[in-house]
PDB file of N, CA and C in Angstrom:
ATOM      1  N   MET A   1      -9.034 -10.558 -13.653  1.00  0.00           N
ATOM      2  CA  MET A   1      -7.611 -11.442 -12.403  1.00  0.00           C
ATOM      3  C   MET A   1      -6.737 -11.488 -12.231  1.00  0.00           C
ATOM      4  N   PRO A   2      -5.543 -11.634 -11.625  1.00  0.00           N
ATOM      5  CA  PRO A   2      -4.013 -11.198 -11.962  1.00  0.00           C
ATOM      6  C   PRO A   2      -3.618 -12.607 -12.823  1.00  0.00           C
ATOM      7  N   GLN A   3      -2.198 -12.166 -13.786  1.00  0.00           N
ATOM      8  CA  GLN A   3      -2.039 -13.057 -14.006  1.00  0.00           C
ATOM      9  C   GLN A   3      -1.319 -14.343 -12.940  1.00  0.00           C
ATOM     10  N   MET A   4      -0.773 -15.261 -13.511  1.00  0.00           N
ATOM     11  CA  MET A   4      -0.148 -16.293 -11.584  1.00  0.00           C
ATOM     12  C   MET A   4       0.619 -16.605 -11.642  1.00  0.00           C
ATOM     13  N   PRO A   5       1.776 -16.343 -10.001  1.00  0.00           N
ATOM     14  CA  PRO A   5       2.928 -16.346 -10.302  1.00  0.00           C
ATOM     15  C   PRO A   5       3.795 -17.147 -10.812  1.00  0.00           C
ATOM     16  N   ARG A   6       4.516 -17.310 -11.274  1.00  0.00           N
ATOM     17  CA  ARG A   6       6.023 -18.709 -11.275  1.00  0.00           C
ATOM     18  C   ARG A   6       5.791 -17.586  -9.974  1.00  0.00           C
ATOM     19  N   ILE A   7       6.303 -19.089  -9.245  1.00  0.00           N
ATOM     20  CA  ILE A   7       7.453 -19.228  -8.255  1.00  0.00           C
ATOM     21  C   ILE A   7       7.206 -20.508  -8.006  1.00  0.00           C
ATOM     22  N   SER A   8       8.709 -20.851  -6.298  1.00  0.00           N
ATOM     23  CA  SER A   8       8.455 -22.200  -5.868  1.00  0.00           C
ATOM     24  C   SER A   8       8.220 -22.257  -4.667  1.00  0.00           C
ATOM     25  N   SER A   9       8.274 -24.480  -5.013  1.00  0.00           N
ATOM     26  CA  SER A   9       6.985 -24.598  -3.728  1.00  0.00           C
ATOM     27  C   SER A   9       6.872 -23.864  -2.965  1.00  0.00           C
ATOM     28  N   ARG A  10       8.247 -23.666  -2.291  1.00  0.00           N
ATOM     29  CA  ARG A  10       8.498 -23.646  -1.023  1.00  0.00           C
ATOM     30  C   ARG A  10       8.499 -22.149  -0.253  1.00  0.00           C
ATOM     31  N   GLU A  11       8.262 -21.314  -1.459  1.00  0.00           N
ATOM     32  CA  GLU A  11       7.886 -20.214  -2.349  1.00  0.00           C
ATOM     33  C   GLU A  11       6.253 -19.637  -1.571  1.00  0.00           C
ATOM     34  N   ALA A  12       5.242 -20.298  -1.953  1.00  0.00           N
ATOM     35  CA  ALA A  12       3.513 -21.232  -2.180  1.00  0.00           C
ATOM     36  C   ALA A  12       3.549 -21.532  -0.616  1.00  0.00           C
ATOM     37  N   ILE A  13       4.464 -22.555   0.176  1.00  0.00           N
ATOM     38  CA  ILE A  13       4.835 -23.011   1.039  1.00  0.00           C
ATOM     39  C   ILE A  13       4.275 -21.838   2.471  1.00  0.00           C
ATOM     40  N   ARG A  14       5.278 -21.064   2.218  1.00  0.00           N
ATOM     41  CA  ARG A  14       5.591 -19.227   3.271  1.00  0.00           C
ATOM     42  C   ARG A  14       4.395 -18.860   2.912  1.00  0.00           C
ATOM     43  N   ALA A  15       3.997 -18.815   1.771  1.00  0.00           N
ATOM     44  CA  ALA A  15       2.304 -18.204   1.478  1.00  0.00           C
ATOM     45  C   ALA A  15       1.398 -18.083   2.194  1.00  0.00           C
ATOM     46  N   LEU A  16       1.171 -19.805   2.300  1.00  0.00           N
ATOM     47  CA  LEU A  16      -0.343 -20.674   2.690  1.00  0.00           C
ATOM     48  C   LEU A  16       0.603 -20.503   4.816  1.00  0.00           C
ATOM     49  N   GLU A  17       1.560 -20.377   4.542  1.00  0.00           N
ATOM     50  CA  GLU A  17       1.539 -20.329   6.447  1.00  0.00           C
ATOM     51  C   GLU A  17       1.013 -19.272   6.564  1.00  0.00           C
ATOM     52  N   ARG A  18       1.326 -18.080   6.332  1.00  0.00           N
ATOM     53  CA  ARG A  18       1.207 -16.260   6.477  1.00  0.00           C
ATOM     54  C   ARG A  18      -0.526 -16.742   6.359  1.00  0.00           C
ATOM     55  N   LEU A  19      -1.189 -17.236   5.636  1.00  0.00           N
ATOM     56  CA  LEU A  19      -3.013 -17.224   4.805  1.00  0.00           C
ATOM     57  C   LEU A  19      -2.961 -18.524   6.689  1.00  0.00           C
ATOM     58  N   GLY A  20      -2.029 -19.154   7.343  1.00  0.00           N
ATOM     59  CA  GLY A  20      -3.191 -20.088   8.174  1.00  0.00           C
ATOM     60  C   GLY A  20      -2.940 -21.369   8.458  1.00  0.00           C
ATOM     61  N   PHE A  21      -2.392 -21.608   6.535  1.00  0.00           N
ATOM     62  CA  PHE A  21      -2.296 -23.142   6.866  1.00  0.00           C
ATOM     63  C   PHE A  21      -0.677 -23.436   7.241  1.00  0.00           C
ATOM     64  N   GLU A  22      -1.176 -25.050   7.788  1.00  0.00           N
ATOM     65  CA  GLU A  22       0.161 -25.853   8.596  1.00  0.00           C
ATOM     66  C   GLU A  22       1.294 -26.475   7.944  1.00  0.00           C
ATOM     67  N   GLN A  23       1.415 -26.794   8.277  1.00  0.00           N
ATOM     68  CA  GLN A  23       2.607 -28.060   7.608  1.00  0.00           C
ATOM     69  C   GLN A  23       1.788 -29.843   8.053  1.00  0.00           C
ATOM     70  N   VAL A  24       1.004 -30.667   8.138  1.00  0.00           N
ATOM     71  CA  VAL A  24       1.001 -31.520   8.890  1.00  0.00           C
ATOM     72  C   VAL A  24       1.581 -32.823   8.341  1.00  0.00           C
ATOM     73  N   ARG A  25       2.414 -32.630   7.164  1.00  0.00           N
ATOM     74  CA  ARG A  25       2.995 -34.477   6.781  1.00  0.00           C
ATOM     75  C   ARG A  25       4.466 -33.774   5.808  1.00  0.00           C
ATOM     76  N   GLN A  26       5.258 -34.589   4.939  1.00  0.00           N
ATOM     77  CA  GLN A  26       5.534 -35.104   4.184  1.00  0.00           C
ATOM     78  C   GLN A  26       5.089 -36.604   3.824  1.00  0.00           C
ATOM     79  N   THR A  27       5.015 -36.415   3.024  1.00  0.00           N
ATOM     80  CA  THR A  27       4.913 -38.459   2.092  1.00  0.00           C
ATOM     81  C   THR A  27       6.522 -37.765   0.236  1.00  0.00           C
ATOM     82  N   GLY A  28       7.077 -38.230   0.772  1.00  0.00           N
ATOM     83  CA  GLY A  28       8.033 -37.828  -1.008  1.00  0.00           C
ATOM     84  C   GLY A  28       8.115 -36.964  -1.088  1.00  0.00           C
ATOM     85  N   SER A  29       7.709 -36.306  -2.001  1.00  0.00           N
ATOM     86  CA  SER A  29       8.022 -35.317  -2.923  1.00  0.00           C
ATOM     87  C   SER A  29       6.956 -34.280  -2.323  1.00  0.00           C
ATOM     88  N   HIS A  30       6.157 -34.374  -2.124  1.00  0.00           N
ATOM     89  CA  HIS A  30       4.607 -33.897  -2.029  1.00  0.00           C
ATOM     90  C   HIS A  30       4.930 -33.345   0.126  1.00  0.00           C
ATOM     91  N   ILE A  31       4.406 -32.397  -0.144  1.00  0.00           N
ATOM     92  CA  ILE A  31       3.656 -32.186   1.206  1.00  0.00           C
ATOM     93  C   ILE A  31       2.267 -31.351   1.125  1.00  0.00           C
ATOM     94  N   VAL A  32       1.220 -31.949   3.292  1.00  0.00           N
ATOM     95  CA  VAL A  32       0.483 -31.472   2.667  1.00  0.00           C
ATOM     96  C   VAL A  32       0.520 -30.735   4.476  1.00  0.00           C
ATOM     97  N   MET A  33      -0.913 -29.760   3.960  1.00  0.00           N
ATOM     98  CA  MET A  33      -0.276 -28.254   4.540  1.00  0.00           C
ATOM     99  C   MET A  33      -2.851 -28.426   4.978  1.00  0.00           C
ATOM    100  N   LYS A  34      -3.435 -27.863   6.459  1.00  0.00           N
ATOM    101  CA  LYS A  34      -4.744 -27.736   6.204  1.00  0.00           C
ATOM    102  C   LYS A  34      -4.477 -26.658   7.574  1.00  0.00           C
ATOM    103  N   ARG A  35      -5.842 -25.529   7.128  1.00  0.00           N
ATOM    104  CA  ARG A  35      -5.907 -24.462   7.510  1.00  0.00           C
ATOM    105  C   ARG A  35      -8.180 -25.407   8.325  1.00  0.00           C
ATOM    106  N   GLU A  36      -7.888 -25.360   9.858  1.00  0.00           N
ATOM    107  CA  GLU A  36      -8.453 -24.568  10.389  1.00  0.00           C
ATOM    108  C   GLU A  36      -9.562 -23.821  10.137  1.00  0.00           C
ATOM    109  N   THR A  37     -10.853 -24.370  10.375  1.00  0.00           N
ATOM    110  CA  THR A  37     -11.720 -23.004  10.360  1.00  0.00           C
ATOM    111  C   THR A  37     -13.401 -23.117  10.804  1.00  0.00           C
ATOM    112  N   PRO A  38     -13.722 -22.563  11.115  1.00  0.00           N
ATOM    113  CA  PRO A  38     -15.058 -23.088  12.084  1.00  0.00           C
ATOM    114  C   PRO A  38     -16.088 -23.826  11.276  1.00  0.00           C
ATOM    115  N   GLU A  39     -16.555 -23.482   9.799  1.00  0.00           N
ATOM    116  CA  GLU A  39     -17.770 -25.179   9.316  1.00  0.00           C
ATOM    117  C   GLU A  39     -16.334 -26.502   8.588  1.00  0.00           C
ATOM    118  N   SER A  40     -15.132 -26.357   8.442  1.00  0.00           N
ATOM    119  CA  SER A  40     -14.221 -27.952   8.486  1.00  0.00           C
ATOM    120  C   SER A  40     -12.877 -27.270   8.897  1.00  0.00           C
ATOM    121  N   GLU A  41     -11.928 -28.909   7.965  1.00  0.00           N
ATOM    122  CA  GLU A  41     -11.113 -28.148   8.018  1.00  0.00           C
ATOM    123  C   GLU A  41     -10.356 -28.408   6.042  1.00  0.00           C
ATOM    124  N   ILE A  42      -9.369 -27.356   6.274  1.00  0.00           N
ATOM    125  CA  ILE A  42      -9.399 -27.336   4.961  1.00  0.00           C
ATOM    126  C   ILE A  42      -7.446 -27.764   4.479  1.00  0.00           C
ATOM    127  N   GLY A  43      -7.647 -28.964   3.161  1.00  0.00           N
ATOM    128  CA  GLY A  43      -6.040 -29.529   2.689  1.00  0.00           C
ATOM    129  C   GLY A  43      -6.237 -29.234   1.773  1.00  0.00           C
ATOM    130  N   CYS A  44      -5.392 -29.243   1.942  1.00  0.00           N
ATOM    131  CA  CYS A  44      -4.490 -29.123   0.100  1.00  0.00           C
ATOM    132  C   CYS A  44      -2.758 -29.607   0.269  1.00  0.00           C
ATOM    133  N   VAL A  45      -2.678 -29.854  -0.050  1.00  0.00           N
ATOM    134  CA  VAL A  45      -0.826 -30.614  -1.335  1.00  0.00           C
ATOM    135  C   VAL A  45      -0.409 -29.993  -1.870  1.00  0.00           C
ATOM    136  N   ILE A  46       1.401 -30.354  -1.704  1.00  0.00           N
ATOM    137  CA  ILE A  46       1.843 -29.179  -2.293  1.00  0.00           C
ATOM    138  C   ILE A  46       3.192 -29.971  -2.745  1.00  0.00           C
ATOM    139  N   PRO A  47       3.592 -30.267  -4.175  1.00  0.00           N
ATOM    140  CA  PRO A  47       4.165 -31.177  -5.049  1.00  0.00           C
ATOM    141  C   PRO A  47       5.751 -30.497  -4.379  1.00  0.00           C
ATOM    142  N   VAL A  48       7.523 -30.835  -4.035  1.00  0.00           N
ATOM    143  CA  VAL A  48       8.416 -30.462  -3.476  1.00  0.00           C
ATOM    144  C   VAL A  48       8.406 -30.025  -5.150  1.00  0.00           C
ATOM    145  N   HIS A  49       9.239 -28.776  -5.587  1.00  0.00           N
ATOM    146  CA  HIS A  49       9.851 -27.855  -7.077  1.00  0.00           C
ATOM    147  C   HIS A  49      10.447 -27.559  -7.006  1.00  0.00           C
ATOM    148  N   ARG A  50      11.303 -26.663  -8.005  1.00  0.00           N
ATOM    149  CA  ARG A  50      11.545 -25.885  -7.832  1.00  0.00           C
ATOM    150  C   ARG A  50      11.531 -24.886  -8.400  1.00  0.00           C
ATOM    151  N   GLU A  51      10.426 -24.582  -9.982  1.00  0.00           N
ATOM    152  CA  GLU A  51       9.118 -23.574  -9.836  1.00  0.00           C
ATOM    153  C   GLU A  51       7.792 -24.220 -10.710  1.00  0.00           C
ATOM    154  N   LEU A  52       6.780 -24.155  -9.361  1.00  0.00           N
ATOM    155  CA  LEU A  52       5.675 -24.778 -10.024  1.00  0.00           C
ATOM    156  C   LEU A  52       5.034 -24.278 -10.866  1.00  0.00           C
ATOM    157  N   LYS A  53       4.413 -25.342 -11.923  1.00  0.00           N
ATOM    158  CA  LYS A  53       3.326 -24.616 -13.423  1.00  0.00           C
ATOM    159  C   LYS A  53       2.104 -23.793 -13.376  1.00  0.00           C
ATOM    160  N   VAL A  54       2.669 -22.991 -13.627  1.00  0.00           N
ATOM    161  CA  VAL A  54       1.174 -21.814 -13.018  1.00  0.00           C
ATOM    162  C   VAL A  54      -0.408 -22.883 -13.180  1.00  0.00           C
ATOM    163  N   GLY A  55      -0.726 -24.231 -13.711  1.00  0.00           N
ATOM    164  CA  GLY A  55      -1.916 -24.658 -13.848  1.00  0.00           C
ATOM    165  C   GLY A  55      -1.836 -25.180 -12.359  1.00  0.00           C
ATOM    166  N   THR A  56      -0.291 -25.658 -11.756  1.00  0.00           N
ATOM    167  CA  THR A  56      -0.518 -26.135 -10.594  1.00  0.00           C
ATOM    168  C   THR A  56      -0.649 -24.984  -9.550  1.00  0.00           C
ATOM    169  N   LEU A  57      -1.008 -25.186  -9.634  1.00  0.00           N
ATOM    170  CA  LEU A  57      -0.678 -23.093  -8.580  1.00  0.00           C
ATOM    171  C   LEU A  57      -1.779 -23.415  -9.051  1.00  0.00           C
ATOM    172  N   SER A  58      -2.857 -23.127  -9.632  1.00  0.00           N
ATOM    173  CA  SER A  58      -3.856 -23.412  -9.372  1.00  0.00           C
ATOM    174  C   SER A  58      -4.842 -23.929  -9.410  1.00  0.00           C
ATOM    175  N   GLY A  59      -4.767 -25.041  -9.236  1.00  0.00           N
ATOM    176  CA  GLY A  59      -5.148 -26.817  -8.463  1.00  0.00           C
ATOM    177  C   GLY A  59      -4.606 -25.698  -7.071  1.00  0.00           C
ATOM    178  N   ILE A  60      -3.505 -26.034  -6.320  1.00  0.00           N
ATOM    179  CA  ILE A  60      -4.005 -25.529  -5.365  1.00  0.00           C
ATOM    180  C   ILE A  60      -4.409 -24.531  -4.561  1.00  0.00           C
ATOM    181  N   LEU A  61      -4.528 -23.630  -4.774  1.00  0.00           N
ATOM    182  CA  LEU A  61      -4.786 -22.410  -4.608  1.00  0.00           C
ATOM    183  C   LEU A  61      -6.393 -22.979  -4.923  1.00  0.00           C
ATOM    184  N   LYS A  62      -7.568 -23.733  -5.159  1.00  0.00           N
ATOM    185  CA  LYS A  62      -8.420 -24.185  -5.279  1.00  0.00           C
ATOM    186  C   LYS A  62      -8.718 -25.761  -4.343  1.00  0.00           C
ATOM    187  N   GLN A  63      -8.028 -25.992  -4.950  1.00  0.00           N
ATOM    188  CA  GLN A  63      -7.180 -27.016  -2.774  1.00  0.00           C
ATOM    189  C   GLN A  63      -7.949 -26.624  -1.919  1.00  0.00           C
ATOM    190  N   ALA A  64      -7.193 -25.074  -2.180  1.00  0.00           N
ATOM    191  CA  ALA A  64      -7.582 -24.458  -0.325  1.00  0.00           C
ATOM    192  C   ALA A  64      -7.945 -23.375   0.004  1.00  0.00           C
ATOM    193  N   GLN A  65      -8.576 -23.059  -1.549  1.00  0.00           N
ATOM    194  CA  GLN A  65      -9.476 -22.040  -1.570  1.00  0.00           C
ATOM    195  C   GLN A  65      -9.611 -20.984  -0.569  1.00  0.00           C
ATOM    196  N   VAL A  66      -8.070 -20.296  -1.430  1.00  0.00           N
ATOM    197  CA  VAL A  66      -7.665 -18.914  -1.072  1.00  0.00           C
ATOM    198  C   VAL A  66      -7.130 -18.302  -2.887  1.00  0.00           C
ATOM    199  N   LYS A  67      -8.308 -17.240  -3.099  1.00  0.00           N
ATOM    200  CA  LYS A  67      -7.955 -16.520  -4.169  1.00  0.00           C
ATOM    201  C   LYS A  67      -7.180 -15.938  -5.312  1.00  0.00           C
ATOM    202  N   VAL A  68      -6.910 -16.197  -5.778  1.00  0.00           N
ATOM    203  CA  VAL A  68      -4.939 -15.084  -6.204  1.00  0.00           C
ATOM    204  C   VAL A  68      -4.693 -14.486  -6.001  1.00  0.00           C
ATOM    205  N   GLU A  69      -6.035 -13.224  -5.475  1.00  0.00           N
ATOM    206  CA  GLU A  69      -5.031 -11.986  -5.460  1.00  0.00           C
ATOM    207  C   GLU A  69      -5.228 -12.170  -3.667  1.00  0.00           C
ATOM    208  N   GLU A  70      -5.637 -12.784  -2.898  1.00  0.00           N
ATOM    209  CA  GLU A  70      -5.351 -13.153  -1.328  1.00  0.00           C
ATOM    210  C   GLU A  70      -3.268 -13.413  -1.351  1.00  0.00           C
ATOM    211  N   PHE A  71      -3.611 -14.245  -2.625  1.00  0.00           N
ATOM    212  CA  PHE A  71      -1.887 -15.534  -2.214  1.00  0.00           C
ATOM    213  C   PHE A  71      -1.371 -14.590  -3.022  1.00  0.00           C
ATOM    214  N   ILE A  72      -0.929 -13.660  -3.000  1.00  0.00           N
ATOM    215  CA  ILE A  72      -0.811 -12.403  -4.446  1.00  0.00           C
ATOM    216  C   ILE A  72       0.207 -11.793  -2.700  1.00  0.00           C
ATOM    217  N   GLU A  73      -0.691 -11.333  -2.489  1.00  0.00           N
ATOM    218  CA  GLU A  73      -0.747 -10.478  -1.520  1.00  0.00           C
ATOM    219  C   GLU A  73      -0.234 -10.896  -0.579  1.00  0.00           C
ATOM    220  N   SER A  74      -0.203 -12.541  -0.046  1.00  0.00           N
ATOM    221  CA  SER A  74       1.054 -12.971   0.960  1.00  0.00           C
ATOM    222  C   SER A  74       1.496 -13.254   0.417  1.00  0.00           C
ATOM    223  N   LEU A  75       2.458 -12.916  -0.400  1.00  0.00           N
ATOM    224  CA  LEU A  75       3.462 -13.632  -0.879  1.00  0.00           C
ATOM    225  C   LEU A  75       4.928 -13.085  -0.739  1.00  0.00           C
TER     226      LEU A  75
END
């Protein structure tokens, strides 16, 4: 498994948008993103920070059901 990149929340949002997610709403410093699939709707919450911690980014990718390799390619 490749190492998790150290990126900002804005870079993570752009990468998820390239993977088909769209911004639904923002509440305070958290952005909610969703993607429609044939089976269901997948959502994730991204805190707006200058740099996301590795564990936080890992949690976001688990919520979004996106593999690390796929995410890194979309950066």
